[in-house]
Protein backbone atom coordinates (compact mmCIF):
# COMPACT_ATOMS: atom_id res chain seq x y z
CA MET A 1 -23.41 -13.08 14.93
CA ALA A 2 -19.94 -13.97 15.48
CA SER A 3 -16.87 -12.04 16.10
CA VAL A 4 -13.57 -12.45 13.96
CA LEU A 5 -9.97 -11.61 14.07
CA GLY A 6 -8.13 -12.03 10.93
CA ILE A 7 -3.48 -12.54 11.08
CA SER A 8 -1.36 -11.69 8.85
CA GLY A 9 2.22 -11.67 9.23
CA LEU A 10 5.59 -13.76 9.59
CA TYR A 11 6.63 -12.74 5.71
CA HIS A 12 6.09 -8.66 5.45
CA ASP A 13 3.38 -5.72 6.59
CA ALA A 14 2.09 -8.06 9.48
CA ALA A 15 -1.68 -6.73 10.48
CA ALA A 16 -4.83 -8.03 11.93
CA ALA A 17 -8.04 -6.76 11.29
CA LEU A 18 -11.45 -7.72 13.10
CA VAL A 19 -15.22 -7.90 11.89
CA ILE A 20 -17.99 -8.05 13.68
CA ASP A 21 -21.45 -9.14 12.75
CA GLY A 22 -20.37 -8.81 9.66
CA THR A 23 -18.66 -5.03 9.86
CA ILE A 24 -14.93 -4.10 9.52
CA ILE A 25 -14.63 -2.46 12.95
CA ALA A 26 -10.86 -2.43 12.79
CA ALA A 27 -7.75 -3.04 11.03
CA MET A 28 -4.12 -2.17 12.45
CA GLN A 29 -0.18 -2.55 10.79
CA GLN A 30 2.07 -3.83 13.47
CA GLU A 31 4.11 -1.20 12.54
CA ARG A 32 2.60 1.65 12.89
CA PHE A 33 3.25 0.00 17.06
CA SER A 34 6.84 -1.19 16.98
CA ARG A 35 7.97 1.70 14.66
CA VAL A 36 9.43 -1.60 12.89
CA LYS A 37 8.79 -0.71 8.76
CA HIS A 38 7.38 -3.11 6.78
CA ASP A 39 6.96 -5.15 10.75
CA ARG A 40 7.11 -9.25 9.72
CA ALA A 41 6.29 -9.96 13.78
CA LEU A 42 3.52 -11.96 14.63
CA PRO A 43 0.77 -8.38 15.35
CA LYS A 44 0.39 -9.34 19.12
CA ASP A 45 0.19 -5.57 19.60
CA ALA A 46 -2.00 -4.93 16.17
CA ALA A 47 -4.64 -7.44 17.99
CA LEU A 48 -4.85 -6.84 21.14
CA SER A 49 -5.73 -3.28 19.72
CA CYS A 50 -7.81 -4.08 17.66
CA LEU A 51 -9.96 -5.93 20.55
CA ARG A 52 -9.62 -2.99 22.64
CA PHE A 53 -11.01 -0.83 20.15
CA ALA A 54 -14.32 -2.73 20.38
CA GLY A 55 -14.45 -3.98 23.76
CA ILE A 56 -13.92 -7.32 23.78
CA ALA A 57 -11.54 -9.85 25.14
CA PRO A 58 -9.74 -12.58 22.86
CA GLU A 59 -11.08 -15.07 24.77
CA ALA A 60 -14.59 -13.94 22.87
CA LEU A 61 -13.86 -14.25 19.89
CA ASP A 62 -15.81 -17.14 17.77
CA ALA A 63 -12.56 -17.85 15.74
CA VAL A 64 -9.11 -16.15 14.59
CA ILE A 65 -8.30 -16.87 10.22
CA TYR A 66 -4.87 -16.80 9.62
CA TYR A 67 -3.98 -14.88 5.88
CA GLU A 68 -2.04 -17.92 4.42
CA GLN A 69 -1.64 -22.16 4.91
CA PRO A 70 1.70 -22.67 6.40
CA PHE A 71 1.96 -26.49 5.37
CA GLN A 72 1.59 -25.14 1.63
CA LYS A 73 3.80 -22.50 2.06
CA LEU A 74 6.33 -25.94 3.11
CA GLU A 75 5.70 -27.97 0.47
CA ARG A 76 6.93 -25.22 -2.01
CA VAL A 77 9.21 -23.57 -0.11
CA LEU A 78 11.04 -27.44 -0.11
CA VAL A 79 9.93 -28.34 -3.79
CA SER A 80 11.10 -25.61 -4.69
CA THR A 81 14.94 -25.86 -3.45
CA LEU A 82 14.89 -29.46 -4.00
CA ARG A 83 14.70 -28.76 -7.66
CA GLY A 84 17.50 -25.77 -7.84
CA PHE A 85 19.74 -28.02 -6.45
CA PRO A 86 23.28 -27.99 -6.90
CA GLN A 87 22.51 -23.80 -6.95
CA SER A 88 20.26 -23.84 -3.72
CA PHE A 89 21.87 -25.81 -1.95
CA ARG A 90 23.10 -22.19 0.12
CA GLN A 91 19.74 -20.94 0.75
CA PHE A 92 18.37 -24.75 1.90
CA PRO A 93 19.14 -25.00 5.57
CA ARG A 94 18.14 -20.52 5.77
CA ALA A 95 14.86 -21.66 4.48
CA MET A 96 14.31 -24.38 5.86
CA ARG A 97 14.75 -22.64 9.66
CA ALA A 98 12.60 -20.29 8.40
CA GLN A 99 9.26 -22.58 8.26
CA LEU A 100 10.32 -24.56 10.60
CA ALA A 101 11.01 -22.24 13.42
CA ASP A 102 7.78 -19.38 13.32
CA LYS A 103 6.29 -20.20 10.09
CA LEU A 104 5.27 -23.70 10.17
CA TRP A 105 3.65 -23.23 13.81
CA VAL A 106 1.93 -19.96 13.46
CA LEU A 107 -1.31 -21.44 13.96
CA ASP A 108 -0.36 -22.53 17.78
CA ALA A 109 1.92 -18.86 18.35
CA ILE A 110 -1.00 -16.70 17.55
CA SER A 111 -3.27 -19.45 20.09
CA GLU A 112 -0.63 -18.93 22.76
CA THR A 113 -0.40 -14.98 21.91
CA LEU A 114 -3.60 -14.66 22.28
CA ASN A 115 -5.41 -16.91 24.59
CA VAL A 116 -7.23 -17.89 22.35
CA PRO A 117 -7.91 -21.68 21.87
CA ARG A 118 -6.51 -23.48 19.51
CA ARG A 119 -9.63 -24.80 17.56
CA ARG A 120 -11.26 -21.53 17.64
CA VAL A 121 -7.86 -20.56 14.95
CA ARG A 122 -7.50 -21.77 11.49
CA ALA A 123 -5.65 -21.15 8.11
CA VAL A 124 -7.41 -19.99 4.80
CA GLY A 125 -5.19 -20.05 1.33
CA HIS A 126 -3.13 -16.61 0.64
CA HIS A 127 -5.13 -15.22 -2.62
CA GLU A 128 -8.61 -16.29 -1.22
CA SER A 129 -7.57 -13.61 1.77
CA HIS A 130 -5.96 -11.18 -0.85
CA ALA A 131 -9.51 -11.79 -3.22
CA ALA A 132 -12.08 -11.41 -0.28
CA SER A 133 -9.91 -8.48 0.94
CA ALA A 134 -10.82 -7.38 -3.11
CA PHE A 135 -14.46 -8.13 -3.45
CA PHE A 136 -15.84 -8.21 -0.07
CA PRO A 137 -15.20 -4.49 0.77
CA SER A 138 -16.14 -3.25 -2.54
CA PRO A 139 -19.20 -1.57 -3.83
CA TYR A 140 -20.22 -4.36 -6.33
CA GLU A 141 -22.05 -7.71 -6.15
CA ARG A 142 -20.44 -8.53 -8.60
CA ALA A 143 -17.36 -8.90 -10.00
CA ALA A 144 -13.99 -10.56 -11.29
CA VAL A 145 -11.41 -10.69 -9.04
CA LEU A 146 -7.25 -10.30 -10.02
CA THR A 147 -5.22 -11.21 -7.12
CA LEU A 148 -1.40 -11.03 -8.10
CA ASP A 149 1.76 -10.61 -6.02
CA GLY A 150 5.04 -12.27 -5.50
CA VAL A 151 4.26 -16.17 -3.94
CA GLY A 152 1.61 -17.18 -1.60
CA GLU A 153 1.74 -20.89 -0.92
CA ASP A 154 2.69 -21.65 -4.67
CA THR A 155 0.55 -19.67 -6.30
CA THR A 156 1.43 -16.22 -8.16
CA THR A 157 -1.40 -14.39 -9.90
CA ALA A 158 -5.69 -15.95 -9.43
CA LEU A 159 -8.53 -14.93 -11.07
CA TRP A 160 -12.05 -15.17 -8.88
CA PHE A 161 -15.58 -14.70 -9.47
CA GLY A 162 -17.55 -13.00 -6.87
CA ASN A 163 -21.01 -12.62 -6.45
CA GLY A 164 -22.83 -11.60 -3.81
CA ASN A 165 -21.67 -13.92 -0.61
CA THR A 166 -19.44 -16.24 -2.60
CA LEU A 167 -15.89 -16.07 -4.27
CA THR A 168 -15.43 -18.63 -6.96
CA PRO A 169 -11.45 -19.87 -8.20
CA ILE A 170 -11.04 -20.09 -11.97
CA ALA A 171 -7.72 -19.84 -12.53
CA SER A 172 -4.53 -19.46 -11.18
CA THR A 173 -0.83 -19.17 -12.14
CA ALA A 174 1.90 -21.21 -9.64
CA TRP A 175 5.14 -20.20 -8.44
CA PRO A 176 8.20 -19.20 -10.01
CA GLN A 177 5.61 -17.89 -12.95
CA SER A 178 5.50 -14.62 -11.09
CA LEU A 179 4.97 -10.65 -11.75
CA GLY A 180 5.99 -9.80 -8.41
CA LEU A 181 8.84 -11.77 -8.66
CA PHE A 182 9.53 -9.64 -12.06
CA TYR A 183 8.80 -6.11 -10.64
CA ALA A 184 10.99 -7.10 -7.12
CA ALA A 185 13.68 -8.11 -8.96
CA MET A 186 13.96 -4.74 -11.36
CA THR A 187 13.26 -3.05 -8.14
CA ALA A 188 16.70 -4.17 -6.45
CA TRP A 189 18.66 -4.24 -10.37
CA SER A 190 17.81 -0.11 -10.63
CA GLY A 191 19.39 -0.41 -6.57
CA PHE A 192 16.02 0.11 -4.08
CA GLU A 193 15.39 -1.73 -1.19
CA VAL A 194 12.61 -4.41 -2.26
CA LEU A 195 8.99 -3.93 -0.71
CA GLU A 196 10.51 -0.51 -0.63
CA GLY A 197 11.10 0.62 -3.64
CA GLU A 198 8.78 -0.69 -6.06
CA CYS A 199 7.23 2.98 -5.51
CA LYS A 200 10.36 4.55 -6.03
CA LEU A 201 10.73 2.31 -9.59
CA MET A 202 7.47 3.34 -10.17
CA GLY A 203 8.56 7.29 -10.12
CA LEU A 204 11.35 6.68 -11.98
CA ALA A 205 9.56 5.75 -14.82
CA ALA A 206 7.85 8.76 -15.89
CA PHE A 207 11.66 10.17 -16.67
CA GLY A 208 12.52 7.54 -18.61
CA GLN A 209 11.51 5.78 -22.28
CA PRO A 210 10.74 2.24 -22.29
CA ILE A 211 13.83 1.51 -25.39
CA HIS A 212 15.16 -1.39 -23.71
CA ARG A 213 11.60 -3.35 -25.00
CA GLU A 214 14.03 -6.12 -27.01
CA GLU A 215 16.19 -6.81 -24.31
CA LEU A 216 12.72 -6.64 -21.64
CA GLY A 217 11.32 -8.75 -23.76
CA ARG A 218 13.14 -11.57 -23.53
CA VAL A 219 12.93 -11.48 -19.51
CA LEU A 220 8.85 -11.44 -19.92
CA LEU A 221 7.01 -12.80 -22.78
CA LEU A 222 3.91 -11.66 -23.08
CA HIS A 223 1.02 -14.25 -24.67
CA GLU A 224 -1.94 -12.97 -26.43
CA THR A 225 -4.12 -15.63 -24.28
CA GLY A 226 -3.48 -12.92 -21.59
CA GLU A 227 -1.08 -14.77 -19.47
CA PHE A 228 2.85 -14.24 -19.24
CA GLU A 229 5.66 -16.41 -18.81
CA LEU A 230 9.35 -15.40 -17.28
CA THR A 231 12.98 -16.32 -18.88
CA LEU A 232 13.66 -17.83 -15.22
CA SER A 233 17.36 -17.92 -16.56
CA PHE A 234 17.51 -14.16 -15.73
CA PHE A 235 16.05 -14.78 -12.31
CA ASP A 236 18.59 -16.25 -9.17
CA ARG A 237 15.90 -17.09 -6.52
CA PHE A 238 17.93 -19.70 -5.20
CA THR A 239 21.18 -17.89 -4.46
CA ASP A 240 20.08 -14.69 -3.64
CA THR A 241 16.56 -14.36 -2.99
CA GLU A 242 17.52 -10.40 -1.89
CA LEU A 243 18.20 -9.56 -5.15
CA GLY A 244 16.09 -12.12 -7.10
CA PHE A 245 18.22 -11.24 -10.60
CA GLY A 246 20.87 -12.78 -11.89
CA LYS A 247 23.96 -12.58 -13.35
CA ARG A 248 22.53 -13.16 -16.57
CA LEU A 249 20.28 -9.73 -15.83
CA GLU A 250 23.17 -7.65 -15.29
CA GLN A 251 25.18 -9.57 -19.08
CA LEU A 252 22.21 -7.71 -20.76
CA LEU A 253 20.68 -5.11 -19.19
CA GLY A 254 23.93 -3.28 -17.20
CA GLU A 255 25.50 -3.79 -13.12
CA ARG A 256 23.04 -3.79 -10.54
CA ARG A 257 23.17 0.62 -9.52
CA ASP A 258 25.18 1.15 -6.60
CA PRO A 259 22.43 2.26 -3.55
CA LEU A 260 25.13 4.67 -2.07
CA ILE A 261 25.48 6.81 -5.33
CA PRO A 262 23.04 9.89 -5.08
CA TRP A 263 20.51 9.98 -8.02
CA ASP A 264 21.48 12.34 -11.12
CA LEU A 265 19.56 11.89 -13.94
CA THR A 266 20.75 14.14 -15.86
CA THR A 267 23.84 11.97 -16.24
CA PRO A 268 23.56 8.87 -18.84
CA ARG A 269 24.32 6.39 -16.32
CA ASP A 270 21.33 7.16 -14.56
CA GLN A 271 18.90 8.36 -17.51
CA HIS A 272 19.96 4.51 -18.18
CA TYR A 273 18.28 3.09 -15.12
CA ALA A 274 15.16 5.38 -15.59
CA ASN A 275 14.87 4.11 -19.48
CA VAL A 276 14.75 0.02 -18.24
CA ALA A 277 12.30 1.52 -15.71
CA ALA A 278 10.24 3.21 -17.84
CA THR A 279 10.22 -0.73 -19.40
CA VAL A 280 9.52 -2.41 -16.76
CA GLN A 281 6.59 0.08 -15.88
CA CYS A 282 5.83 -0.30 -19.28
CA ILE A 283 5.65 -4.14 -19.71
CA THR A 284 4.14 -4.67 -16.36
CA GLU A 285 1.13 -3.00 -17.77
CA GLU A 286 0.72 -5.27 -20.13
CA ALA A 287 0.88 -7.88 -18.39
CA VAL A 288 -1.60 -6.74 -16.30
CA LEU A 289 -4.17 -4.98 -18.55
CA GLY A 290 -4.07 -8.56 -20.55
CA LEU A 291 -4.80 -10.78 -17.21
CA ALA A 292 -7.83 -8.52 -16.85
CA ARG A 293 -9.23 -8.66 -20.80
CA ARG A 294 -9.21 -12.58 -19.74
CA ALA A 295 -10.85 -11.54 -16.23
CA SER A 296 -13.14 -9.72 -18.94
CA ARG A 297 -13.85 -12.59 -21.48
CA GLU A 298 -13.79 -15.46 -18.48
CA THR A 299 -16.35 -13.49 -16.04
CA GLY A 300 -18.43 -11.97 -17.98
CA ALA A 301 -17.90 -9.06 -15.27
CA CYS A 302 -18.55 -5.26 -16.07
CA ASN A 303 -16.57 -4.52 -12.89
CA LEU A 304 -13.25 -5.66 -11.59
CA CYS A 305 -11.66 -5.56 -7.91
CA LEU A 306 -7.73 -5.91 -7.09
CA ALA A 307 -5.43 -6.90 -4.89
CA GLY A 308 -1.78 -8.64 -4.21
CA GLY A 309 1.51 -5.78 -4.31
CA ILE A 310 1.39 -5.76 -7.64
CA ALA A 311 -2.21 -3.94 -7.56
CA LEU A 312 -0.48 -0.87 -5.62
CA ASN A 313 0.87 0.20 -8.84
CA ALA A 314 -1.03 3.15 -9.35
CA VAL A 315 -0.20 3.98 -13.07
CA ALA A 316 -1.20 0.50 -14.20
CA ASN A 317 -4.58 0.96 -12.46
CA ALA A 318 -4.90 3.94 -14.40
CA ARG A 319 -4.77 2.26 -17.65
CA LEU A 320 -6.53 -0.52 -16.16
CA ALA A 321 -9.25 2.13 -16.22
CA LYS A 322 -9.45 3.15 -19.52
CA GLU A 323 -8.15 0.08 -21.63
CA SER A 324 -9.50 -3.30 -19.82
CA GLY A 325 -13.39 -2.27 -20.90
CA PHE A 326 -14.25 -2.84 -16.97
CA ASP A 327 -16.94 -0.46 -15.97
CA ARG A 328 -15.80 0.27 -12.69
CA ILE A 329 -12.28 -0.91 -10.54
CA PHE A 330 -11.93 -1.03 -7.12
CA VAL A 331 -8.80 -1.67 -5.20
CA GLN A 332 -9.04 -1.55 -1.37
CA PRO A 333 -5.83 0.73 0.25
CA ALA A 334 -3.86 -2.53 1.79
CA ALA A 335 -4.07 -4.41 -1.21
CA GLY A 336 -0.58 -6.08 0.34
CA ASP A 337 -0.12 -8.14 2.94
CA ALA A 338 -1.52 -6.58 5.14
CA GLY A 339 -4.98 -6.51 3.58
CA GLY A 340 -4.09 -10.70 3.68
CA ALA A 341 -5.56 -9.89 7.74
CA LEU A 342 -9.25 -7.84 6.27
CA GLY A 343 -9.25 -10.88 4.11
CA ALA A 344 -8.91 -13.54 5.99
CA ALA A 345 -11.86 -12.08 8.87
CA ILE A 346 -13.87 -10.92 6.52
CA LEU A 347 -14.31 -14.71 5.04
CA GLY A 348 -14.16 -16.40 8.55
CA SER A 349 -16.91 -14.09 9.31
CA ILE A 350 -18.77 -15.35 5.93
CA ALA A 351 -18.07 -19.35 7.16
CA LEU A 352 -19.87 -18.24 10.38
CA GLY A 353 -23.38 -16.79 8.59
CA ASP A 354 -22.52 -13.15 8.49
CA ARG A 355 -23.17 -11.07 5.92
CA ARG A 356 -20.53 -9.75 3.51
CA PRO A 357 -19.26 -6.30 5.00
CA SER A 358 -20.74 -3.03 4.02
CA ALA A 359 -18.79 -1.13 0.77
CA MET A 360 -15.64 0.62 2.53
CA THR A 361 -15.59 4.48 2.58
CA SER A 362 -13.08 5.05 4.37
CA ALA A 363 -8.85 3.68 5.19
CA ALA A 364 -9.42 4.97 8.86
CA LEU A 365 -9.65 1.48 10.95
CA GLY A 366 -6.53 2.05 13.56
CA LEU A 367 -6.67 4.26 17.02
CA THR A 368 -6.86 8.35 17.46
CA ALA A 369 -4.72 9.97 18.78
CA SER A 370 -4.79 11.50 22.59
CA ALA A 371 -5.17 15.56 22.47
CA SER A 372 -4.34 15.12 26.08
CA ASP A 373 -1.08 13.22 25.58
CA THR A 374 -0.41 15.67 23.15
CA VAL A 375 -0.41 19.05 25.66
CA ASP A 376 1.34 16.21 28.72
CA LEU A 377 4.29 15.66 26.21
CA CYS A 378 4.37 18.97 24.69
CA LYS A 379 4.22 21.08 28.67
CA HIS A 380 6.82 18.13 29.50
CA LEU A 381 9.65 19.04 26.79
CA GLY A 382 9.32 22.72 26.94
CA LEU A 383 6.88 22.74 23.29
CA SER A 384 4.17 25.31 22.52
CA ALA A 385 1.71 24.08 22.09
CA ARG A 386 -2.26 25.75 22.31
CA ARG A 387 -5.89 24.29 21.96
CA VAL A 388 -7.88 26.00 18.96
CA SER A 389 -11.12 26.52 18.62
CA ASP A 390 -11.30 24.59 15.32
CA PRO A 391 -7.73 22.92 13.95
CA ALA A 392 -9.42 23.19 9.96
CA GLU A 393 -8.95 27.17 10.33
CA SER A 394 -5.80 26.99 11.84
CA ALA A 395 -3.87 24.62 8.93
CA ALA A 396 -5.34 26.55 6.31
CA SER A 397 -4.07 29.71 7.60
CA LEU A 398 -0.88 27.88 8.17
CA LEU A 399 -0.25 26.15 5.00
CA SER A 400 -0.99 30.48 3.12
CA GLU A 401 2.19 30.93 4.83
CA ASN A 402 3.72 28.13 2.12
CA LYS A 403 4.43 26.90 5.89
CA VAL A 404 3.99 22.92 6.00
CA VAL A 405 1.77 21.11 8.43
CA GLY A 406 1.51 17.50 10.26
CA PHE A 407 -2.15 17.01 10.34
CA VAL A 408 -3.13 14.02 12.80
CA GLN A 409 -6.89 13.50 13.58
CA GLY A 410 -8.72 10.40 13.74
CA ARG A 411 -8.22 6.89 13.49
CA PHE A 412 -5.09 6.26 11.26
CA GLU A 413 -5.31 4.79 8.60
CA PHE A 414 -4.69 1.37 7.24
CA GLY A 415 -2.28 0.67 4.85
CA PRO A 416 0.74 2.61 3.25
CA ARG A 417 -0.97 5.95 1.79
CA ALA A 418 -1.81 8.57 4.60
CA LEU A 419 -5.28 10.19 3.61
CA GLY A 420 -5.91 12.48 6.12
CA HIS A 421 -5.46 11.51 9.20
CA ARG A 422 -2.11 10.60 9.14
CA SER A 423 -0.67 13.42 6.95
CA ILE A 424 2.15 15.67 5.76
CA ILE A 425 -0.04 18.92 4.26
CA ALA A 426 1.38 21.98 2.37
CA SER A 427 0.39 24.37 -0.55
CA PRO A 428 0.38 22.91 -4.11
CA GLU A 429 1.76 25.54 -6.03
CA THR A 430 5.28 25.76 -5.95
CA ILE A 431 7.99 23.17 -6.49
CA ALA A 432 10.14 25.07 -4.06
CA ILE A 433 8.09 23.64 -1.38
CA ARG A 434 7.76 19.70 -2.92
CA ASP A 435 12.03 20.00 -3.13
CA ARG A 436 11.86 21.37 0.70
CA ILE A 437 9.69 18.50 1.76
CA ASN A 438 11.45 16.00 -0.41
CA SER A 439 15.40 17.58 0.33
CA VAL A 440 14.36 18.66 4.27
CA VAL A 441 11.85 16.55 5.71
CA LYS A 442 11.17 13.41 4.12
CA GLN A 443 15.09 12.50 2.91
CA ARG A 444 14.38 11.00 -0.17
CA GLU A 445 15.54 10.51 -3.82
CA PRO A 446 14.80 14.13 -5.37
CA PHE A 447 12.16 12.46 -8.31
CA ARG A 448 9.56 10.88 -5.59
CA PRO A 449 6.77 12.54 -6.53
CA PHE A 450 3.76 13.78 -3.67
CA ALA A 451 0.36 13.75 -3.77
CA PRO A 452 -2.52 16.16 -3.97
CA ALA A 453 -5.26 15.58 -2.57
CA ILE A 454 -8.66 18.14 -3.31
CA LEU A 455 -12.32 18.20 -2.81
CA ALA A 456 -13.95 15.63 -4.95
CA ASP A 457 -16.72 17.77 -6.25
CA SER A 458 -13.16 19.99 -7.68
CA CYS A 459 -11.63 16.64 -9.47
CA SER A 460 -12.84 17.47 -12.30
CA GLN A 461 -11.53 21.56 -12.64
CA TYR A 462 -8.03 19.68 -12.22
CA PHE A 463 -7.73 16.25 -13.73
CA ASP A 464 -8.72 14.22 -16.87
CA THR A 465 -11.60 11.96 -14.10
CA GLU A 466 -14.64 11.96 -12.35
CA PRO A 467 -13.85 10.78 -8.32
CA SER A 468 -13.98 6.55 -8.67
CA ASP A 469 -13.80 3.99 -6.40
CA MET A 470 -10.28 4.54 -6.78
CA THR A 471 -9.44 7.83 -6.49
CA ALA A 472 -10.67 7.78 -3.41
CA PHE A 473 -8.12 5.22 -2.00
CA MET A 474 -5.46 7.03 -3.70
CA THR A 475 -4.51 4.13 -5.98
CA THR A 476 -4.34 5.50 -9.28
CA VAL A 477 -3.36 8.10 -11.16
CA ALA A 478 -4.85 11.29 -13.56
CA SER A 479 -3.07 13.84 -15.71
CA VAL A 480 -3.62 16.97 -15.07
CA HIS A 481 -5.89 20.08 -17.85
CA ALA A 482 -4.16 22.14 -20.04
CA SER A 483 -4.90 24.84 -18.25
CA VAL A 484 -6.06 24.94 -14.17
CA PRO A 485 -7.40 27.27 -12.44
CA THR A 486 -4.14 27.81 -9.98
CA PRO A 487 -0.98 26.41 -10.06
CA ILE A 488 -0.12 23.25 -8.60
CA ASP A 489 3.54 22.38 -9.63
CA ALA A 490 4.35 20.86 -6.20
CA VAL A 491 1.68 18.14 -6.83
CA LEU A 492 2.59 16.80 -10.48
CA HIS A 493 4.78 14.13 -11.54
CA CYS A 494 7.75 15.04 -14.84
CA ASP A 495 4.43 13.67 -16.32
CA GLY A 496 1.63 15.67 -16.04
CA THR A 497 -0.05 12.96 -14.02
CA ALA A 498 -1.12 12.64 -10.26
CA ARG A 499 -1.64 9.96 -8.03
CA ILE A 500 -4.87 11.70 -6.60
CA GLN A 501 -7.08 11.23 -3.64
CA THR A 502 -10.85 12.69 -4.03
CA VAL A 503 -11.64 14.03 -0.38
CA THR A 504 -14.79 13.68 1.06
CA ALA A 505 -16.23 13.91 5.08
CA ASP A 506 -17.12 10.59 5.11
CA ALA A 507 -13.50 9.62 3.94
CA ALA A 508 -11.36 11.92 6.04
CA SER A 509 -13.21 14.68 7.42
CA GLY A 510 -10.86 16.80 9.01
CA LEU A 511 -8.93 16.78 6.00
CA GLU A 512 -11.84 17.93 3.50
CA ALA A 513 -12.29 20.77 6.52
CA VAL A 514 -8.53 21.77 5.80
CA LEU A 515 -9.98 22.42 1.97
CA ARG A 516 -13.42 23.89 2.63
CA ALA A 517 -11.45 26.29 4.74
CA ARG A 518 -9.09 27.01 1.88
CA VAL A 519 -11.68 27.70 -0.51
CA ARG A 520 -13.13 29.98 2.20
CA ARG A 521 -10.23 31.96 1.60
CA GLY A 522 -10.49 32.01 -1.98
CA GLU A 523 -7.76 29.44 -2.72
CA ALA A 524 -6.83 26.19 -3.99
CA PRO A 525 -9.77 23.00 -2.96
CA ILE A 526 -6.18 21.01 -3.55
CA LEU A 527 -3.22 20.23 -1.21
CA LEU A 528 -0.37 18.37 -1.27
CA ASN A 529 -0.68 15.50 0.97
CA THR A 530 1.93 12.93 1.82
CA SER A 531 2.40 10.48 4.84
CA LEU A 532 3.46 11.68 7.95
CA ASN A 533 6.73 9.40 8.05
CA GLY A 534 10.66 10.37 7.73
CA ARG A 535 12.74 7.94 5.79
CA ASN A 536 12.78 4.38 6.45
CA GLU A 537 9.77 4.87 9.43
CA PRO A 538 6.47 3.31 9.25
CA ILE A 539 3.52 6.05 8.99
CA VAL A 540 2.76 7.93 12.64
CA GLY A 541 0.34 6.00 15.01
CA SER A 542 0.14 7.62 18.15
CA ALA A 543 0.48 11.56 19.58
CA ILE A 544 3.74 10.37 21.37
CA ASP A 545 4.81 9.39 17.50
CA ALA A 546 3.78 12.16 16.35
CA ILE A 547 5.52 14.51 18.87
CA LEU A 548 8.67 12.51 18.58
CA PHE A 549 8.16 12.91 14.49
CA PHE A 550 8.23 16.72 15.08
CA LEU A 551 11.55 16.83 17.39
CA ALA A 552 12.86 15.08 14.36
CA HIS A 553 11.89 16.64 10.84
CA ARG A 554 11.99 20.10 9.77
CA VAL A 555 8.05 21.01 9.78
CA ASP A 556 7.05 23.94 10.66
CA ALA A 557 3.70 23.06 12.68
CA LEU A 558 2.40 19.93 14.04
CA ILE A 559 -2.00 19.65 14.79
CA VAL A 560 -2.57 16.91 16.44
CA GLU A 561 -6.89 16.56 16.45
CA ASP A 562 -7.38 20.41 18.46
CA VAL A 563 -3.49 21.21 19.75
CA LEU A 564 -1.37 23.17 17.48
CA VAL A 565 2.77 22.79 17.86
CA GLU A 566 4.56 25.27 16.57
CA ARG A 567 8.13 25.87 16.81
CA GLN A 568 9.37 28.82 18.79
CA THR A 569 11.38 31.41 16.62
């Protein structure tokens, strides 16, 4: 019986997670408190919020587990940069300052920040944390586990076998052979920001054709064994770590796209970038598929769990579901570095003798928003706010009028997806409403798609899939049927697919109630669902965040618990 706090941070997407007696109590990202997207800072606010939610003091913790081994990370950075001389001479001082400043002494900093005895603070491996976050909250007793990201310590890809309370390492790939490096470099070459733009590259791919296989096949080589190999001369890992690619890649594919130029996919210029994106996506899918088939051969498992940044590629996950040979696949909602905090907490809990957690059915692991705070702030700001007896019915009524609604219910989600707790919701019927949200509310690229949230028991009426372990967390895509009961143009990508979320009362009771209210009105059991945030902002956390969003972005209404805020006409 133990209380264990997991911590990730100092690289990107810092987070904290609390596990007590083998139960996941809370998991939160630092960005929801600091309002700095992908915040890398040591997650003091997230950690203390987890503890306050559980009603325990820091000194009551049995252990605090950091998600990475800082000295192993230092060794990799040191060896890598020394091997890169003379090319790396500019990067070396910066890399050493970063490692020797806050990262190397992170365990001491955690002890001091949280007032926890240093002997209770320890570290586990980065990919071990990823693997634990993938397998232990899954519904499987046995599974192959793949962890795929940029790099953690010196590992970029790892295969594990999960069985009950144990994780056994089987194989790994060392830096700089990295699918994460490949995808991030191609994201930067396409004019997008690394960490933020990978999903944009995935969305752009649907507008192109994979006609650059020969060129990119020289950059990323795929072997029949399931292994992959980067041609490192195309990557500038030492003199331009922000971009990741070198001049040779630009000689092969053309110059990097200027991120300041608006997108226009009717031009040959931008169609070229779309074609390259399609090829990048296709090759990445094949690389992941090769790794999954190898995992199947080497473990004999029927189920697969994924974690790491590459695991958030929903299109690749859909292909795995169809072609890898596994019966079931699970990707927990915070598959990136934030999820490392959860994995670290679970590893610490199991090491102290607790059982593994029950299967994760909801991502709502954050804090609630206060209805009374909403009312008080609205009154202070002169906004029109009133209590409603049935928030779901109120939302359904607004959606029937083609209104765009901010929807805040219950605890905020863990991970990068809004799953009905901090969402913008709208009718799924017309392209016009999609374009309005893209241009006016979200202020993002016009080719970016929106996701549908659909009642789980209605999924097969619209899409070529049944509810699965991935559809619950919006970590896969599905194709729409040629004929559907009602138009859903606003939530379909140009290739007829959608990153679906199947909704149940257990996972998102507020959103499920809105969908049921729509059905009672004779409307479709499906909604447009996107995250409640603006451009370059984290998803909303508190009631104050929600009101500030409402003031800055042109949604028609905001519902926070049972408080309806509408614009005065």
